[in-house]
Amino acid sequence: DTPSAERQSAATDAGLTRRRLLAGSAALGG
């Protein structure tokens, strides 16, 4: 019964992209 718009908003708010995930690779050792 949870509106699908509420569930989908979590994905919209995530703001995660390929570039953001790759950006931290160099800091992994930390």
Full PDB file with SEQRES, HELIX, SHEET, SSBOND, CRYST1, ORIGX, SCALE, CONECT and MASTER records, all heavy atoms in Angstrom:
SEQRES   1 A   30  ASP THR PRO SER ALA GLU ARG GLN SER ALA ALA THR ASP          
SEQRES   2 A   30  ALA GLY LEU THR ARG ARG ARG LEU LEU ALA GLY SER ALA          
SEQRES   3 A   30  ALA LEU GLY GLY                                              
HELIX    1 AA1 SER A    4  ALA A   14  1                                  11    
HELIX    2 AA2 ARG A   18  ALA A   23  1                                   6    
HELIX    3 AA3 SER A   25  ALA A   27  5                                   3    
CRYST1    1.000    1.000    1.000  90.00  90.00  90.00 P 1           1          
ORIGX1      1.000000  0.000000  0.000000        0.00000                         
ORIGX2      0.000000  1.000000  0.000000        0.00000                         
ORIGX3      0.000000  0.000000  1.000000        0.00000                         
SCALE1      1.000000  0.000000  0.000000        0.00000                         
SCALE2      0.000000  1.000000  0.000000        0.00000                         
SCALE3      0.000000  0.000000  1.000000        0.00000                         
ATOM      1  N   ASP A   1       0.802  -1.219   0.000  1.00  0.00           N  
ATOM      2  CA  ASP A   1       0.000   0.000   0.000  1.00  0.00           C  
ATOM      3  C   ASP A   1       0.838   1.274   0.000  1.00  0.00           C  
ATOM      4  O   ASP A   1       0.314   2.373   0.009  1.00  0.00           O  
ATOM      5  CB  ASP A   1      -0.929   0.031   1.216  1.00  0.00           C  
ATOM      6  CG  ASP A   1      -0.170   0.027   2.529  1.00  0.00           C  
ATOM      7  OD1 ASP A   1       1.007  -0.389   2.509  1.00  0.00           O  
ATOM      8  OD2 ASP A   1      -0.759   0.418   3.551  1.00  0.00           O  
ATOM      9  N   THR A   2       2.168   1.143   0.003  1.00  0.00           N  
ATOM     10  CA  THR A   2       3.020   2.327  -0.058  1.00  0.00           C  
ATOM     11  C   THR A   2       3.013   2.870  -1.487  1.00  0.00           C  
ATOM     12  O   THR A   2       3.294   2.126  -2.429  1.00  0.00           O  
ATOM     13  CB  THR A   2       4.461   1.991   0.346  1.00  0.00           C  
ATOM     14  OG1 THR A   2       4.443   1.521   1.689  1.00  0.00           O  
ATOM     15  CG2 THR A   2       5.355   3.207   0.228  1.00  0.00           C  
ATOM     16  N   PRO A   3       2.708   4.134  -1.672  1.00  0.00           N  
ATOM     17  CA  PRO A   3       2.673   4.690  -3.025  1.00  0.00           C  
ATOM     18  C   PRO A   3       3.993   4.494  -3.747  1.00  0.00           C  
ATOM     19  O   PRO A   3       5.063   4.690  -3.177  1.00  0.00           O  
ATOM     20  CB  PRO A   3       2.390   6.186  -2.783  1.00  0.00           C  
ATOM     21  CG  PRO A   3       1.718   6.240  -1.441  1.00  0.00           C  
ATOM     22  CD  PRO A   3       2.339   5.121  -0.653  1.00  0.00           C  
ATOM     23  N   SER A   4       3.892   4.107  -5.020  1.00  0.00           N  
ATOM     24  CA  SER A   4       5.119   3.853  -5.782  1.00  0.00           C  
ATOM     25  C   SER A   4       5.965   5.105  -5.900  1.00  0.00           C  
ATOM     26  O   SER A   4       7.186   5.032  -5.983  1.00  0.00           O  
ATOM     27  CB  SER A   4       4.770   3.317  -7.175  1.00  0.00           C  
ATOM     28  OG  SER A   4       3.982   4.268  -7.876  1.00  0.00           O  
ATOM     29  N   ALA A   5       5.343   6.274  -5.891  1.00  0.00           N  
ATOM     30  CA  ALA A   5       6.121   7.518  -5.997  1.00  0.00           C  
ATOM     31  C   ALA A   5       7.060   7.674  -4.828  1.00  0.00           C  
ATOM     32  O   ALA A   5       8.198   8.138  -4.972  1.00  0.00           O  
ATOM     33  CB  ALA A   5       5.171   8.714  -6.075  1.00  0.00           C  
ATOM     34  N   GLU A   6       6.612   7.252  -3.605  1.00  0.00           N  
ATOM     35  CA  GLU A   6       7.485   7.343  -2.433  1.00  0.00           C  
ATOM     36  C   GLU A   6       8.665   6.394  -2.577  1.00  0.00           C  
ATOM     37  O   GLU A   6       9.785   6.706  -2.224  1.00  0.00           O  
ATOM     38  CB  GLU A   6       6.696   7.002  -1.162  1.00  0.00           C  
ATOM     39  CG  GLU A   6       5.730   8.078  -0.748  1.00  0.00           C  
ATOM     40  CD  GLU A   6       5.082   7.759   0.578  1.00  0.00           C  
ATOM     41  OE1 GLU A   6       5.404   6.707   1.162  1.00  0.00           O  
ATOM     42  OE2 GLU A   6       4.246   8.551   1.033  1.00  0.00           O  
ATOM     43  N   ARG A   7       8.395   5.185  -3.096  1.00  0.00           N  
ATOM     44  CA  ARG A   7       9.481   4.217  -3.225  1.00  0.00           C  
ATOM     45  C   ARG A   7      10.481   4.683  -4.279  1.00  0.00           C  
ATOM     46  O   ARG A   7      11.683   4.525  -4.130  1.00  0.00           O  
ATOM     47  CB  ARG A   7       8.908   2.842  -3.583  1.00  0.00           C  
ATOM     48  CG  ARG A   7       7.990   2.276  -2.507  1.00  0.00           C  
ATOM     49  CD  ARG A   7       7.759   0.792  -2.713  1.00  0.00           C  
ATOM     50  NE  ARG A   7       7.039   0.502  -3.935  1.00  0.00           N  
ATOM     51  CZ  ARG A   7       5.719   0.327  -4.011  1.00  0.00           C  
ATOM     52  NH1 ARG A   7       4.985   0.451  -2.926  1.00  0.00           N  
ATOM     53  NH2 ARG A   7       5.141   0.034  -5.141  1.00  0.00           N  
ATOM     54  N   GLN A   8       9.972   5.249  -5.365  1.00  0.00           N  
ATOM     55  CA  GLN A   8      10.868   5.675  -6.421  1.00  0.00           C  
ATOM     56  C   GLN A   8      11.689   6.884  -6.014  1.00  0.00           C  
ATOM     57  O   GLN A   8      12.784   7.096  -6.525  1.00  0.00           O  
ATOM     58  CB  GLN A   8      10.050   6.003  -7.680  1.00  0.00           C  
ATOM     59  CG  GLN A   8       9.409   4.755  -8.307  1.00  0.00           C  
ATOM     60  CD  GLN A   8       8.546   5.093  -9.499  1.00  0.00           C  
ATOM     61  OE1 GLN A   8       8.512   6.230  -9.944  1.00  0.00           O  
ATOM     62  NE2 GLN A   8       7.847   4.094 -10.015  1.00  0.00           N  
ATOM     63  N   SER A   9      11.185   7.688  -5.066  1.00  0.00           N  
ATOM     64  CA  SER A   9      11.923   8.886  -4.666  1.00  0.00           C  
ATOM     65  C   SER A   9      13.256   8.548  -4.048  1.00  0.00           C  
ATOM     66  O   SER A   9      14.199   9.327  -4.134  1.00  0.00           O  
ATOM     67  CB  SER A   9      11.099   9.718  -3.687  1.00  0.00           C  
ATOM     68  OG  SER A   9      10.983   9.053  -2.449  1.00  0.00           O  
ATOM     69  N   ALA A  10      13.358   7.368  -3.427  1.00  0.00           N  
ATOM     70  CA  ALA A  10      14.639   6.976  -2.840  1.00  0.00           C  
ATOM     71  C   ALA A  10      15.697   6.837  -3.909  1.00  0.00           C  
ATOM     72  O   ALA A  10      16.853   7.205  -3.720  1.00  0.00           O  
ATOM     73  CB  ALA A  10      14.485   5.664  -2.078  1.00  0.00           C  
ATOM     74  N   ALA A  11      15.298   6.293  -5.053  1.00  0.00           N  
ATOM     75  CA  ALA A  11      16.260   6.160  -6.146  1.00  0.00           C  
ATOM     76  C   ALA A  11      16.643   7.520  -6.702  1.00  0.00           C  
ATOM     77  O   ALA A  11      17.808   7.793  -6.991  1.00  0.00           O  
ATOM     78  CB  ALA A  11      15.659   5.293  -7.252  1.00  0.00           C  
ATOM     79  N   THR A  12      15.667   8.395  -6.834  1.00  0.00           N  
ATOM     80  CA  THR A  12      15.955   9.721  -7.375  1.00  0.00           C  
ATOM     81  C   THR A  12      16.901  10.489  -6.472  1.00  0.00           C  
ATOM     82  O   THR A  12      17.775  11.208  -6.927  1.00  0.00           O  
ATOM     83  CB  THR A  12      14.643  10.498  -7.545  1.00  0.00           C  
ATOM     84  OG1 THR A  12      13.779   9.747  -8.390  1.00  0.00           O  
ATOM     85  CG2 THR A  12      14.898  11.873  -8.139  1.00  0.00           C  
ATOM     86  N   ASP A  13      16.710  10.324  -5.129  1.00  0.00           N  
ATOM     87  CA  ASP A  13      17.532  11.063  -4.182  1.00  0.00           C  
ATOM     88  C   ASP A  13      18.940  10.510  -4.051  1.00  0.00           C  
ATOM     89  O   ASP A  13      19.803  11.142  -3.464  1.00  0.00           O  
ATOM     90  CB  ASP A  13      16.885  11.046  -2.792  1.00  0.00           C  
ATOM     91  CG  ASP A  13      15.641  11.906  -2.760  1.00  0.00           C  
ATOM     92  OD1 ASP A  13      15.478  12.725  -3.677  1.00  0.00           O  
ATOM     93  OD2 ASP A  13      14.840  11.736  -1.813  1.00  0.00           O  
ATOM     94  N   ALA A  14      19.175   9.294  -4.559  1.00  0.00           N  
ATOM     95  CA  ALA A  14      20.466   8.655  -4.323  1.00  0.00           C  
ATOM     96  C   ALA A  14      21.613   9.453  -4.911  1.00  0.00           C  
ATOM     97  O   ALA A  14      22.663   9.611  -4.302  1.00  0.00           O  
ATOM     98  CB  ALA A  14      20.468   7.244  -4.890  1.00  0.00           C  
ATOM     99  N   GLY A  15      21.447   9.957  -6.136  1.00  0.00           N  
ATOM    100  CA  GLY A  15      22.465  10.813  -6.714  1.00  0.00           C  
ATOM    101  C   GLY A  15      23.791  10.125  -6.928  1.00  0.00           C  
ATOM    102  O   GLY A  15      24.835  10.757  -6.937  1.00  0.00           O  
ATOM    103  N   LEU A  16      23.801   8.800  -7.146  1.00  0.00           N  
ATOM    104  CA  LEU A  16      25.040   8.060  -7.319  1.00  0.00           C  
ATOM    105  C   LEU A  16      25.288   7.824  -8.804  1.00  0.00           C  
ATOM    106  O   LEU A  16      24.406   7.387  -9.529  1.00  0.00           O  
ATOM    107  CB  LEU A  16      24.964   6.723  -6.588  1.00  0.00           C  
ATOM    108  CG  LEU A  16      24.962   6.847  -5.071  1.00  0.00           C  
ATOM    109  CD1 LEU A  16      24.650   5.496  -4.451  1.00  0.00           C  
ATOM    110  CD2 LEU A  16      26.290   7.344  -4.580  1.00  0.00           C  
ATOM    111  N   THR A  17      26.473   8.111  -9.248  1.00  0.00           N  
ATOM    112  CA  THR A  17      26.816   7.938 -10.649  1.00  0.00           C  
ATOM    113  C   THR A  17      28.096   7.142 -10.763  1.00  0.00           C  
ATOM    114  O   THR A  17      28.838   6.968  -9.795  1.00  0.00           O  
ATOM    115  CB  THR A  17      27.021   9.306 -11.328  1.00  0.00           C  
ATOM    116  OG1 THR A  17      28.148   9.940 -10.724  1.00  0.00           O  
ATOM    117  CG2 THR A  17      25.792  10.199 -11.151  1.00  0.00           C  
ATOM    118  N   ARG A  18      28.353   6.672 -11.999  1.00  0.00           N  
ATOM    119  CA  ARG A  18      29.607   5.958 -12.264  1.00  0.00           C  
ATOM    120  C   ARG A  18      30.798   6.824 -11.880  1.00  0.00           C  
ATOM    121  O   ARG A  18      31.748   6.364 -11.262  1.00  0.00           O  
ATOM    122  CB  ARG A  18      29.672   5.581 -13.751  1.00  0.00           C  
ATOM    123  CG  ARG A  18      30.961   4.893 -14.182  1.00  0.00           C  
ATOM    124  CD  ARG A  18      31.038   4.798 -15.696  1.00  0.00           C  
ATOM    125  NE  ARG A  18      29.925   4.046 -16.247  1.00  0.00           N  
ATOM    126  CZ  ARG A  18      29.983   2.746 -16.539  1.00  0.00           C  
ATOM    127  NH1 ARG A  18      31.085   2.074 -16.316  1.00  0.00           N  
ATOM    128  NH2 ARG A  18      28.955   2.132 -17.048  1.00  0.00           N  
ATOM    129  N   ARG A  19      30.754   8.097 -12.195  1.00  0.00           N  
ATOM    130  CA  ARG A  19      31.884   8.989 -11.914  1.00  0.00           C  
ATOM    131  C   ARG A  19      32.131   9.093 -10.410  1.00  0.00           C  
ATOM    132  O   ARG A  19      33.253   9.071  -9.949  1.00  0.00           O  
ATOM    133  CB  ARG A  19      31.620  10.381 -12.493  1.00  0.00           C  
ATOM    134  CG  ARG A  19      32.774  11.349 -12.267  1.00  0.00           C  
ATOM    135  CD  ARG A  19      32.516  12.674 -12.922  1.00  0.00           C  
ATOM    136  NE  ARG A  19      31.350  13.324 -12.346  1.00  0.00           N  
ATOM    137  CZ  ARG A  19      30.902  14.518 -12.746  1.00  0.00           C  
ATOM    138  NH1 ARG A  19      31.491  15.157 -13.745  1.00  0.00           N  
ATOM    139  NH2 ARG A  19      29.841  15.048 -12.178  1.00  0.00           N  
ATOM    140  N   ARG A  20      31.033   9.219  -9.595  1.00  0.00           N  
ATOM    141  CA  ARG A  20      31.186   9.363  -8.155  1.00  0.00           C  
ATOM    142  C   ARG A  20      31.805   8.099  -7.553  1.00  0.00           C  
ATOM    143  O   ARG A  20      32.656   8.146  -6.678  1.00  0.00           O  
ATOM    144  CB  ARG A  20      29.830   9.645  -7.512  1.00  0.00           C  
ATOM    145  CG  ARG A  20      29.818   9.632  -5.982  1.00  0.00           C  
ATOM    146  CD  ARG A  20      30.851  10.573  -5.401  1.00  0.00           C  
ATOM    147  NE  ARG A  20      30.736  11.923  -5.819  1.00  0.00           N  
ATOM    148  CZ  ARG A  20      29.897  12.810  -5.275  1.00  0.00           C  
ATOM    149  NH1 ARG A  20      29.125  12.476  -4.299  1.00  0.00           N  
ATOM    150  NH2 ARG A  20      29.864  14.042  -5.728  1.00  0.00           N  
ATOM    151  N   LEU A  21      31.375   6.912  -8.043  1.00  0.00           N  
ATOM    152  CA  LEU A  21      31.912   5.676  -7.490  1.00  0.00           C  
ATOM    153  C   LEU A  21      33.383   5.497  -7.840  1.00  0.00           C  
ATOM    154  O   LEU A  21      34.171   4.993  -7.045  1.00  0.00           O  
ATOM    155  CB  LEU A  21      31.102   4.479  -8.007  1.00  0.00           C  
ATOM    156  CG  LEU A  21      29.703   4.351  -7.400  1.00  0.00           C  
ATOM    157  CD1 LEU A  21      28.916   3.287  -8.142  1.00  0.00           C  
ATOM    158  CD2 LEU A  21      29.788   4.020  -5.935  1.00  0.00           C  
ATOM    159  N   LEU A  22      33.743   5.902  -9.046  1.00  0.00           N  
ATOM    160  CA  LEU A  22      35.133   5.741  -9.457  1.00  0.00           C  
ATOM    161  C   LEU A  22      36.042   6.762  -8.797  1.00  0.00           C  
ATOM    162  O   LEU A  22      37.233   6.514  -8.610  1.00  0.00           O  
ATOM    163  CB  LEU A  22      35.245   5.873 -10.977  1.00  0.00           C  
ATOM    164  CG  LEU A  22      34.587   4.751 -11.793  1.00  0.00           C  
ATOM    165  CD1 LEU A  22      34.638   5.085 -13.280  1.00  0.00           C  
ATOM    166  CD2 LEU A  22      35.274   3.425 -11.521  1.00  0.00           C  
ATOM    167  N   ALA A  23      35.473   7.894  -8.390  1.00  0.00           N  
ATOM    168  CA  ALA A  23      36.303   8.999  -7.890  1.00  0.00           C  
ATOM    169  C   ALA A  23      37.063   8.627  -6.634  1.00  0.00           C  
ATOM    170  O   ALA A  23      38.135   9.170  -6.374  1.00  0.00           O  
ATOM    171  CB  ALA A  23      35.422  10.218  -7.616  1.00  0.00           C  
ATOM    172  N   GLY A  24      36.494   7.733  -5.824  1.00  0.00           N  
ATOM    173  CA  GLY A  24      37.145   7.397  -4.560  1.00  0.00           C  
ATOM    174  C   GLY A  24      38.112   6.246  -4.634  1.00  0.00           C  
ATOM    175  O   GLY A  24      38.685   5.868  -3.612  1.00  0.00           O  
ATOM    176  N   SER A  25      38.331   5.671  -5.808  1.00  0.00           N  
ATOM    177  CA  SER A  25      39.177   4.482  -5.885  1.00  0.00           C  
ATOM    178  C   SER A  25      40.576   4.737  -5.355  1.00  0.00           C  
ATOM    179  O   SER A  25      41.172   3.903  -4.678  1.00  0.00           O  
ATOM    180  CB  SER A  25      39.236   3.980  -7.332  1.00  0.00           C  
ATOM    181  OG  SER A  25      37.956   3.585  -7.771  1.00  0.00           O  
ATOM    182  N   ALA A  26      41.099   5.912  -5.654  1.00  0.00           N  
ATOM    183  CA  ALA A  26      42.468   6.194  -5.223  1.00  0.00           C  
ATOM    184  C   ALA A  26      42.587   6.275  -3.719  1.00  0.00           C  
ATOM    185  O   ALA A  26      43.666   6.087  -3.156  1.00  0.00           O  
ATOM    186  CB  ALA A  26      42.936   7.506  -5.850  1.00  0.00           C  
ATOM    187  N   ALA A  27      41.461   6.561  -3.038  1.00  0.00           N  
ATOM    188  CA  ALA A  27      41.499   6.702  -1.580  1.00  0.00           C  
ATOM    189  C   ALA A  27      41.188   5.405  -0.858  1.00  0.00           C  
ATOM    190  O   ALA A  27      41.128   5.386   0.370  1.00  0.00           O  
ATOM    191  CB  ALA A  27      40.500   7.771  -1.142  1.00  0.00           C  
ATOM    192  N   LEU A  28      41.000   4.322  -1.595  1.00  0.00           N  
ATOM    193  CA  LEU A  28      40.592   3.063  -0.977  1.00  0.00           C  
ATOM    194  C   LEU A  28      41.553   2.613   0.104  1.00  0.00           C  
ATOM    195  O   LEU A  28      41.140   2.098   1.152  1.00  0.00           O  
ATOM    196  CB  LEU A  28      40.469   1.977  -2.050  1.00  0.00           C  
ATOM    197  CG  LEU A  28      40.061   0.582  -1.574  1.00  0.00           C  
ATOM    198  CD1 LEU A  28      38.709   0.648  -0.876  1.00  0.00           C  
ATOM    199  CD2 LEU A  28      39.989  -0.380  -2.757  1.00  0.00           C  
ATOM    200  N   GLY A  29      42.849   2.832  -0.128  1.00  0.00           N  
ATOM    201  CA  GLY A  29      43.820   2.398   0.876  1.00  0.00           C  
ATOM    202  C   GLY A  29      43.622   3.063   2.214  1.00  0.00           C  
ATOM    203  O   GLY A  29      43.943   2.506   3.261  1.00  0.00           O  
ATOM    204  N   GLY A  30      43.027   4.261   2.241  1.00  0.00           N  
ATOM    205  CA  GLY A  30      42.807   4.962   3.490  1.00  0.00           C  
ATOM    206  C   GLY A  30      41.784   4.308   4.385  1.00  0.00           C  
ATOM    207  O   GLY A  30      41.683   4.634   5.563  1.00  0.00           O  
TER     208      GLY A  30                                                      
MASTER        0    0    0    3    0    0    0    6  207    1    0    3          
END                                                                             
